[in-house]
């Protein structure tokens, strides 16, 4: 359910400029993870900071695989 929750939240972010701006603000990784999980929960999309780290890591690996 967590990846599905993240994907739903990702769609919210793509459609909401205020969410995009909030997540673009410079911050430490831990602060970004906390903010993203909090905002996700506020939009009914639940995932943990650890799950988000895994999703980011997997996306980075996929991107690198396409270019290397």
PDB file of N, CA and C in Angstrom:
ATOM      1  N   UNK A   1       0.819  -1.214   0.000  1.00  0.00           N
ATOM      2  CA  UNK A   1       0.000   0.000   0.000  1.00  0.00           C
ATOM      3  C   UNK A   1       0.853   1.264   0.000  1.00  0.00           C
ATOM      4  N   UNK A   2       2.061   1.209   0.543  1.00  0.00           N
ATOM      5  CA  UNK A   2       2.862   2.425   0.666  1.00  0.00           C
ATOM      6  C   UNK A   2       3.299   2.976  -0.689  1.00  0.00           C
ATOM      7  N   UNK A   3       3.708   2.127  -1.616  1.00  0.00           N
ATOM      8  CA  UNK A   3       4.080   2.630  -2.943  1.00  0.00           C
ATOM      9  C   UNK A   3       2.859   3.208  -3.652  1.00  0.00           C
ATOM     10  N   UNK A   4       1.718   2.576  -3.457  1.00  0.00           N
ATOM     11  CA  UNK A   4       0.495   3.112  -4.045  1.00  0.00           C
ATOM     12  C   UNK A   4       0.165   4.464  -3.413  1.00  0.00           C
ATOM     13  N   UNK A   5       0.360   4.561  -2.095  1.00  0.00           N
ATOM     14  CA  UNK A   5       0.141   5.836  -1.410  1.00  0.00           C
ATOM     15  C   UNK A   5       1.069   6.910  -1.939  1.00  0.00           C
ATOM     16  N   UNK A   6       2.324   6.541  -2.144  1.00  0.00           N
ATOM     17  CA  UNK A   6       3.279   7.501  -2.689  1.00  0.00           C
ATOM     18  C   UNK A   6       2.872   7.927  -4.096  1.00  0.00           C
ATOM     19  N   UNK A   7       2.462   6.989  -4.931  1.00  0.00           N
ATOM     20  CA  UNK A   7       2.069   7.333  -6.297  1.00  0.00           C
ATOM     21  C   UNK A   7       0.866   8.276  -6.309  1.00  0.00           C
ATOM     22  N   UNK A   8      -0.085   8.049  -5.404  1.00  0.00           N
ATOM     23  CA  UNK A   8      -1.222   8.967  -5.301  1.00  0.00           C
ATOM     24  C   UNK A   8      -0.741  10.357  -4.888  1.00  0.00           C
ATOM     25  N   UNK A   9       0.181  10.401  -3.920  1.00  0.00           N
ATOM     26  CA  UNK A   9       0.714  11.687  -3.476  1.00  0.00           C
ATOM     27  C   UNK A   9       1.491  12.359  -4.608  1.00  0.00           C
ATOM     28  N   UNK A  10       2.263  11.601  -5.347  1.00  0.00           N
ATOM     29  CA  UNK A  10       3.024  12.147  -6.474  1.00  0.00           C
ATOM     30  C   UNK A  10       2.081  12.824  -7.466  1.00  0.00           C
ATOM     31  N   UNK A  11       0.938  12.219  -7.719  1.00  0.00           N
ATOM     32  CA  UNK A  11      -0.046  12.824  -8.611  1.00  0.00           C
ATOM     33  C   UNK A  11      -0.576  14.145  -8.034  1.00  0.00           C
ATOM     34  N   UNK A  12      -0.803  14.170  -6.720  1.00  0.00           N
ATOM     35  CA  UNK A  12      -1.236  15.423  -6.072  1.00  0.00           C
ATOM     36  C   UNK A  12      -0.179  16.511  -6.288  1.00  0.00           C
ATOM     37  N   UNK A  13       1.084  16.137  -6.099  1.00  0.00           N
ATOM     38  CA  UNK A  13       2.172  17.109  -6.228  1.00  0.00           C
ATOM     39  C   UNK A  13       2.246  17.635  -7.657  1.00  0.00           C
ATOM     40  N   UNK A  14       2.092  16.747  -8.645  1.00  0.00           N
ATOM     41  CA  UNK A  14       2.155  17.179 -10.042  1.00  0.00           C
ATOM     42  C   UNK A  14       1.043  18.162 -10.391  1.00  0.00           C
ATOM     43  N   UNK A  15      -0.059  18.099  -9.665  1.00  0.00           N
ATOM     44  CA  UNK A  15      -1.211  18.952  -9.953  1.00  0.00           C
ATOM     45  C   UNK A  15      -1.303  20.190  -9.052  1.00  0.00           C
ATOM     46  N   UNK A  16      -0.443  20.291  -8.038  1.00  0.00           N
ATOM     47  CA  UNK A  16      -0.576  21.357  -7.036  1.00  0.00           C
ATOM     48  C   UNK A  16       0.744  22.121  -6.903  1.00  0.00           C
ATOM     49  N   UNK A  17       0.759  23.344  -7.427  1.00  0.00           N
ATOM     50  CA  UNK A  17       1.979  24.154  -7.395  1.00  0.00           C
ATOM     51  C   UNK A  17       2.454  24.454  -5.977  1.00  0.00           C
ATOM     52  N   UNK A  18       1.542  24.611  -5.031  1.00  0.00           N
ATOM     53  CA  UNK A  18       1.962  24.907  -3.664  1.00  0.00           C
ATOM     54  C   UNK A  18       2.708  23.717  -3.057  1.00  0.00           C
ATOM     55  N   UNK A  19       2.290  22.503  -3.369  1.00  0.00           N
ATOM     56  CA  UNK A  19       3.031  21.327  -2.897  1.00  0.00           C
ATOM     57  C   UNK A  19       4.404  21.267  -3.555  1.00  0.00           C
ATOM     58  N   UNK A  20       4.464  21.567  -4.841  1.00  0.00           N
ATOM     59  CA  UNK A  20       5.744  21.564  -5.544  1.00  0.00           C
ATOM     60  C   UNK A  20       6.711  22.552  -4.911  1.00  0.00           C
ATOM     61  N   UNK A  21       6.226  23.748  -4.627  1.00  0.00           N
ATOM     62  CA  UNK A  21       7.074  24.778  -4.019  1.00  0.00           C
ATOM     63  C   UNK A  21       7.546  24.360  -2.632  1.00  0.00           C
ATOM     64  N   UNK A  22       6.651  23.785  -1.848  1.00  0.00           N
ATOM     65  CA  UNK A  22       7.025  23.363  -0.497  1.00  0.00           C
ATOM     66  C   UNK A  22       8.109  22.295  -0.541  1.00  0.00           C
ATOM     67  N   UNK A  23       8.006  21.381  -1.484  1.00  0.00           N
ATOM     68  CA  UNK A  23       8.986  20.289  -1.566  1.00  0.00           C
ATOM     69  C   UNK A  23      10.278  20.705  -2.246  1.00  0.00           C
ATOM     70  N   UNK A  24      10.270  21.828  -2.946  1.00  0.00           N
ATOM     71  CA  UNK A  24      11.493  22.324  -3.590  1.00  0.00           C
ATOM     72  C   UNK A  24      12.372  23.132  -2.646  1.00  0.00           C
ATOM     73  N   UNK A  25      11.827  23.579  -1.546  1.00  0.00           N
ATOM     74  CA  UNK A  25      12.601  24.413  -0.622  1.00  0.00           C
ATOM     75  C   UNK A  25      13.856  23.650  -0.179  1.00  0.00           C
ATOM     76  N   UNK A  26      15.000  24.334  -0.161  1.00  0.00           N
ATOM     77  CA  UNK A  26      16.229  23.658   0.256  1.00  0.00           C
ATOM     78  C   UNK A  26      16.125  23.198   1.710  1.00  0.00           C
ATOM     79  N   UNK A  27      16.505  21.957   1.938  1.00  0.00           N
ATOM     80  CA  UNK A  27      16.452  21.406   3.289  1.00  0.00           C
ATOM     81  C   UNK A  27      17.295  20.145   3.360  1.00  0.00           C
ATOM     82  N   UNK A  28      17.565  19.729   4.568  1.00  0.00           N
ATOM     83  CA  UNK A  28      18.273  18.477   4.801  1.00  0.00           C
ATOM     84  C   UNK A  28      17.409  17.321   4.313  1.00  0.00           C
ATOM     85  N   UNK A  29      18.051  16.210   3.969  1.00  0.00           N
ATOM     86  CA  UNK A  29      17.318  15.039   3.484  1.00  0.00           C
ATOM     87  C   UNK A  29      16.287  14.590   4.519  1.00  0.00           C
ATOM     88  N   UNK A  30      16.671  14.536   5.778  1.00  0.00           N
ATOM     89  CA  UNK A  30      15.741  14.078   6.813  1.00  0.00           C
ATOM     90  C   UNK A  30      14.527  15.011   6.918  1.00  0.00           C
ATOM     91  N   UNK A  31      14.751  16.308   6.740  1.00  0.00           N
ATOM     92  CA  UNK A  31      13.641  17.267   6.781  1.00  0.00           C
ATOM     93  C   UNK A  31      12.735  17.076   5.565  1.00  0.00           C
ATOM     94  N   UNK A  32      13.325  16.822   4.397  1.00  0.00           N
ATOM     95  CA  UNK A  32      12.525  16.562   3.200  1.00  0.00           C
ATOM     96  C   UNK A  32      11.662  15.323   3.385  1.00  0.00           C
ATOM     97  N   UNK A  33      12.256  14.250   3.901  1.00  0.00           N
ATOM     98  CA  UNK A  33      11.505  13.007   4.115  1.00  0.00           C
ATOM     99  C   UNK A  33      10.354  13.237   5.091  1.00  0.00           C
ATOM    100  N   UNK A  34      10.618  13.964   6.159  1.00  0.00           N
ATOM    101  CA  UNK A  34       9.575  14.242   7.150  1.00  0.00           C
ATOM    102  C   UNK A  34       8.461  15.094   6.537  1.00  0.00           C
ATOM    103  N   UNK A  35       8.837  16.126   5.780  1.00  0.00           N
ATOM    104  CA  UNK A  35       7.844  16.994   5.151  1.00  0.00           C
ATOM    105  C   UNK A  35       7.007  16.210   4.138  1.00  0.00           C
ATOM    106  N   UNK A  36       7.650  15.430   3.298  1.00  0.00           N
ATOM    107  CA  UNK A  36       6.931  14.676   2.275  1.00  0.00           C
ATOM    108  C   UNK A  36       5.971  13.667   2.907  1.00  0.00           C
ATOM    109  N   UNK A  37       6.405  12.967   3.947  1.00  0.00           N
ATOM    110  CA  UNK A  37       5.512  11.989   4.579  1.00  0.00           C
ATOM    111  C   UNK A  37       4.349  12.699   5.277  1.00  0.00           C
ATOM    112  N   UNK A  38       4.620  13.867   5.889  1.00  0.00           N
ATOM    113  CA  UNK A  38       3.542  14.625   6.545  1.00  0.00           C
ATOM    114  C   UNK A  38       2.541  15.140   5.533  1.00  0.00           C
ATOM    115  N   UNK A  39       3.046  15.756   4.451  1.00  0.00           N
ATOM    116  CA  UNK A  39       2.141  16.276   3.426  1.00  0.00           C
ATOM    117  C   UNK A  39       1.359  15.136   2.764  1.00  0.00           C
ATOM    118  N   UNK A  40       2.034  14.019   2.545  1.00  0.00           N
ATOM    119  CA  UNK A  40       1.345  12.863   1.978  1.00  0.00           C
ATOM    120  C   UNK A  40       0.194  12.432   2.871  1.00  0.00           C
ATOM    121  N   UNK A  41       0.456  12.308   4.164  1.00  0.00           N
ATOM    122  CA  UNK A  41      -0.584  11.892   5.109  1.00  0.00           C
ATOM    123  C   UNK A  41      -1.739  12.892   5.129  1.00  0.00           C
ATOM    124  N   UNK A  42      -1.413  14.180   5.037  1.00  0.00           N
ATOM    125  CA  UNK A  42      -2.458  15.206   5.014  1.00  0.00           C
ATOM    126  C   UNK A  42      -3.368  15.065   3.789  1.00  0.00           C
ATOM    127  N   UNK A  43      -2.855  14.428   2.746  1.00  0.00           N
ATOM    128  CA  UNK A  43      -3.634  14.212   1.523  1.00  0.00           C
ATOM    129  C   UNK A  43      -4.138  12.770   1.426  1.00  0.00           C
ATOM    130  N   UNK A  44      -4.093  12.046   2.544  1.00  0.00           N
ATOM    131  CA  UNK A  44      -4.613  10.685   2.582  1.00  0.00           C
ATOM    132  C   UNK A  44      -3.725   9.659   1.907  1.00  0.00           C
ATOM    133  N   UNK A  45      -2.454   9.996   1.738  1.00  0.00           N
ATOM    134  CA  UNK A  45      -1.491   9.121   1.069  1.00  0.00           C
ATOM    135  C   UNK A  45      -0.409   8.756   2.085  1.00  0.00           C
ATOM    136  N   UNK A  46      -0.444   7.542   2.574  1.00  0.00           N
ATOM    137  CA  UNK A  46       0.424   7.162   3.686  1.00  0.00           C
ATOM    138  C   UNK A  46       1.603   6.319   3.224  1.00  0.00           C
ATOM    139  N   UNK A  47       2.797   6.768   3.633  1.00  0.00           N
ATOM    140  CA  UNK A  47       4.045   6.050   3.394  1.00  0.00           C
ATOM    141  C   UNK A  47       5.026   6.564   4.439  1.00  0.00           C
ATOM    142  N   UNK A  48       5.990   5.726   4.768  1.00  0.00           N
ATOM    143  CA  UNK A  48       6.960   6.108   5.794  1.00  0.00           C
ATOM    144  C   UNK A  48       8.182   6.765   5.150  1.00  0.00           C
ATOM    145  N   UNK A  49       9.001   7.387   5.979  1.00  0.00           N
ATOM    146  CA  UNK A  49      10.240   7.987   5.494  1.00  0.00           C
ATOM    147  C   UNK A  49      11.153   6.905   4.922  1.00  0.00           C
ATOM    148  N   UNK A  50      11.196   5.739   5.559  1.00  0.00           N
ATOM    149  CA  UNK A  50      12.021   4.637   5.047  1.00  0.00           C
ATOM    150  C   UNK A  50      11.513   4.158   3.691  1.00  0.00           C
ATOM    151  N   UNK A  51      10.203   4.059   3.556  1.00  0.00           N
ATOM    152  CA  UNK A  51       9.633   3.645   2.266  1.00  0.00           C
ATOM    153  C   UNK A  51       9.949   4.682   1.194  1.00  0.00           C
ATOM    154  N   UNK A  52       9.879   5.948   1.540  1.00  0.00           N
ATOM    155  CA  UNK A  52      10.196   7.005   0.586  1.00  0.00           C
ATOM    156  C   UNK A  52      11.665   6.937   0.190  1.00  0.00           C
ATOM    157  N   UNK A  53      12.559   6.703   1.142  1.00  0.00           N
ATOM    158  CA  UNK A  53      13.978   6.548   0.821  1.00  0.00           C
ATOM    159  C   UNK A  53      14.177   5.405  -0.166  1.00  0.00           C
ATOM    160  N   UNK A  54      13.480   4.283   0.035  1.00  0.00           N
ATOM    161  CA  UNK A  54      13.584   3.141  -0.878  1.00  0.00           C
ATOM    162  C   UNK A  54      13.080   3.501  -2.277  1.00  0.00           C
ATOM    163  N   UNK A  55      11.975   4.230  -2.336  1.00  0.00           N
ATOM    164  CA  UNK A  55      11.404   4.645  -3.623  1.00  0.00           C
ATOM    165  C   UNK A  55      12.380   5.557  -4.360  1.00  0.00           C
ATOM    166  N   UNK A  56      12.978   6.496  -3.648  1.00  0.00           N
ATOM    167  CA  UNK A  56      13.951   7.418  -4.248  1.00  0.00           C
ATOM    168  C   UNK A  56      15.175   6.644  -4.736  1.00  0.00           C
ATOM    169  N   UNK A  57      15.665   5.728  -3.925  1.00  0.00           N
ATOM    170  CA  UNK A  57      16.826   4.916  -4.296  1.00  0.00           C
ATOM    171  C   UNK A  57      16.529   4.105  -5.561  1.00  0.00           C
ATOM    172  N   UNK A  58      15.352   3.483  -5.611  1.00  0.00           N
ATOM    173  CA  UNK A  58      14.980   2.686  -6.780  1.00  0.00           C
ATOM    174  C   UNK A  58      14.870   3.554  -8.031  1.00  0.00           C
ATOM    175  N   UNK A  59      14.303   4.757  -7.884  1.00  0.00           N
ATOM    176  CA  UNK A  59      14.180   5.664  -9.025  1.00  0.00           C
ATOM    177  C   UNK A  59      15.562   6.106  -9.514  1.00  0.00           C
ATOM    178  N   UNK A  60      16.463   6.367  -8.590  1.00  0.00           N
ATOM    179  CA  UNK A  60      17.829   6.779  -8.948  1.00  0.00           C
ATOM    180  C   UNK A  60      18.518   5.644  -9.710  1.00  0.00           C
ATOM    181  N   UNK A  61      18.379   4.422  -9.219  1.00  0.00           N
ATOM    182  CA  UNK A  61      18.987   3.267  -9.904  1.00  0.00           C
ATOM    183  C   UNK A  61      18.417   3.100 -11.303  1.00  0.00           C
ATOM    184  N   UNK A  62      17.132   3.250 -11.437  1.00  0.00           N
ATOM    185  CA  UNK A  62      16.491   3.125 -12.752  1.00  0.00           C
ATOM    186  C   UNK A  62      16.999   4.198 -13.695  1.00  0.00           C
ATOM    187  N   UNK A  63      17.079   5.417 -13.213  1.00  0.00           N
ATOM    188  CA  UNK A  63      17.567   6.526 -14.038  1.00  0.00           C
ATOM    189  C   UNK A  63      19.002   6.269 -14.470  1.00  0.00           C
ATOM    190  N   UNK A  64      19.849   5.867 -13.526  1.00  0.00           N
ATOM    191  CA  UNK A  64      21.244   5.595 -13.873  1.00  0.00           C
ATOM    192  C   UNK A  64      21.345   4.446 -14.872  1.00  0.00           C
ATOM    193  N   UNK A  65      20.501   3.437 -14.711  1.00  0.00           N
ATOM    194  CA  UNK A  65      20.517   2.311 -15.640  1.00  0.00           C
ATOM    195  C   UNK A  65      20.182   2.734 -17.052  1.00  0.00           C
ATOM    196  N   UNK A  66      19.352   3.741 -17.193  1.00  0.00           N
ATOM    197  CA  UNK A  66      18.990   4.234 -18.519  1.00  0.00           C
ATOM    198  C   UNK A  66      20.141   5.000 -19.175  1.00  0.00           C
ATOM    199  N   UNK A  67      21.015   5.588 -18.376  1.00  0.00           N
ATOM    200  CA  UNK A  67      22.068   6.446 -18.902  1.00  0.00           C
ATOM    201  C   UNK A  67      23.449   5.837 -18.889  1.00  0.00           C
ATOM    202  N   UNK A  68      23.622   4.734 -18.200  1.00  0.00           N
ATOM    203  CA  UNK A  68      24.963   4.131 -18.113  1.00  0.00           C
ATOM    204  C   UNK A  68      25.042   2.953 -19.031  1.00  0.00           C
TER     205      UNK A  68
END
